[in-house]
Amino acid sequence: MASDDPALQTLVERVQGARAQRRPLAIRGAGTKSFYGETAQGEPLDVTGLAGISSYEPTELVISARCGTTLAELEATLAGQGQCLPFEPPHFGPGATVGGMVAAGLAGPARAAVGGVRDYLLGATLLDGRGELLGFGGQVMKNVAGYDIARLAAGSMGTLGVICEVSLKVLPMARATATLRFELDQAAAIERLNAWAGKPLPLNASAWWDGVLVIRLRGAVAAVDAAQALLGGETIPDNAAQGFWGGLREQTDDYFGAARRACEESAATRLWRLSLPPTAPPLALTGALLIEWGGALRWLCTDLPAARVRDAATAAGGHATIFRANDKSPGVFTPLAAPLARIQRELKRAFDPDGILNPGRLYPGL
């Protein structure tokens, strides 16, 4: 991207000034994901002025956009060419930006089938803690080789640098979609999902809650029709299905609405994001549960002690993240093992030697 861009120059000067004064900065776009991660510290650094789609090559399935570009604009541009971000990044509110999407690294219902944010990140331009612009990756798949530094930005919560511009791989929209409903208990739903995962089915998304399993088939017309005939179940009309998956993606449905209210009303209640092997059996934990990603993502709203939730997730072969809570004192993300913690500290030191960018946003003290 052009280094003489006025909006970019403003950010460079702000970072350089903050470094000279050892003043921390809290990178901020629209703030729609400010609830996620550890509490932001420092003077706000507004990046929304660095906006706009830099380039788009529909035939190459690649789009580049600056960090302050809204997801709504990006997705509308892609939709105009019959293309999309297949990992369905959540907005969580109006004005959600491309930079926030990458920094948070969150994906929607299709994540298990198509991959996550970092799988579609071809290149990135970062403004590091020295106030220097660094470019990584490229704008075509063949350039993404060797040490793929750009993808470190995905899920980094802005701790490695200000994400100024990214290049993303996009895909054509699917020709056909169908949503099916089944009445199954939790154990049966997990077993059924894992059985289906071993078959050549266009299974794109799944969700289980309160005795009901809902799946989405997506792909070629013939493949979706054949799978629908094979699996059976109750077909949900397209309009209702779109509302359901949209509510799940944006966490505006009944489950997440109730979880958000519970977290606001009680300091002891937390919404946990459990990442587990999809074959893991039901956990012996009380609370409201919703399962996505073929059993690999399990949301749990509970007032159980954090140590108990994390111990159960670890015993099942996974880990637990506090997604929403008033009390984040147990730490939002699962503590890293010593070797991984050292790598994380060294990365932070390499990109932000004075620790001024989003300090503590990922892990306390980082």
Foldseek 3Di string as FASTA:
>chain_A
DDCPPPLNVVLLVVLQVCLVVLFFEEEDAPCLQCQFFDHFDTHYDYNLVLWDWPDDDVVQQKTKIWFNHFPVVVQVVQVVVQKGALQAAAQNDPRRTPQNSQQQFDGAFQCLPPHTDLVFWQKWWFQFSNSDIDIFGDGHPVRCDDPRVRSVNGNNNFLQGRTTMTMTGMGGFFPDKWKFKDFADQQVLLVVLVVVVVDPAQWRKWKDFDRMIMTMGTHHPVRPVVVCVVPPGHTDDPVVVVVVRSCRNNVVDPVSVVLQVVQVVDQLKFKKWAAADSNQGDFPDDAGWMAMSSNRIIIGIDSDDPVVVQVRSVVRPTGMAGGGHPDCVVGRGDDDDPVVVVVVVVSSCVRNVSSRTRACRNHHPD
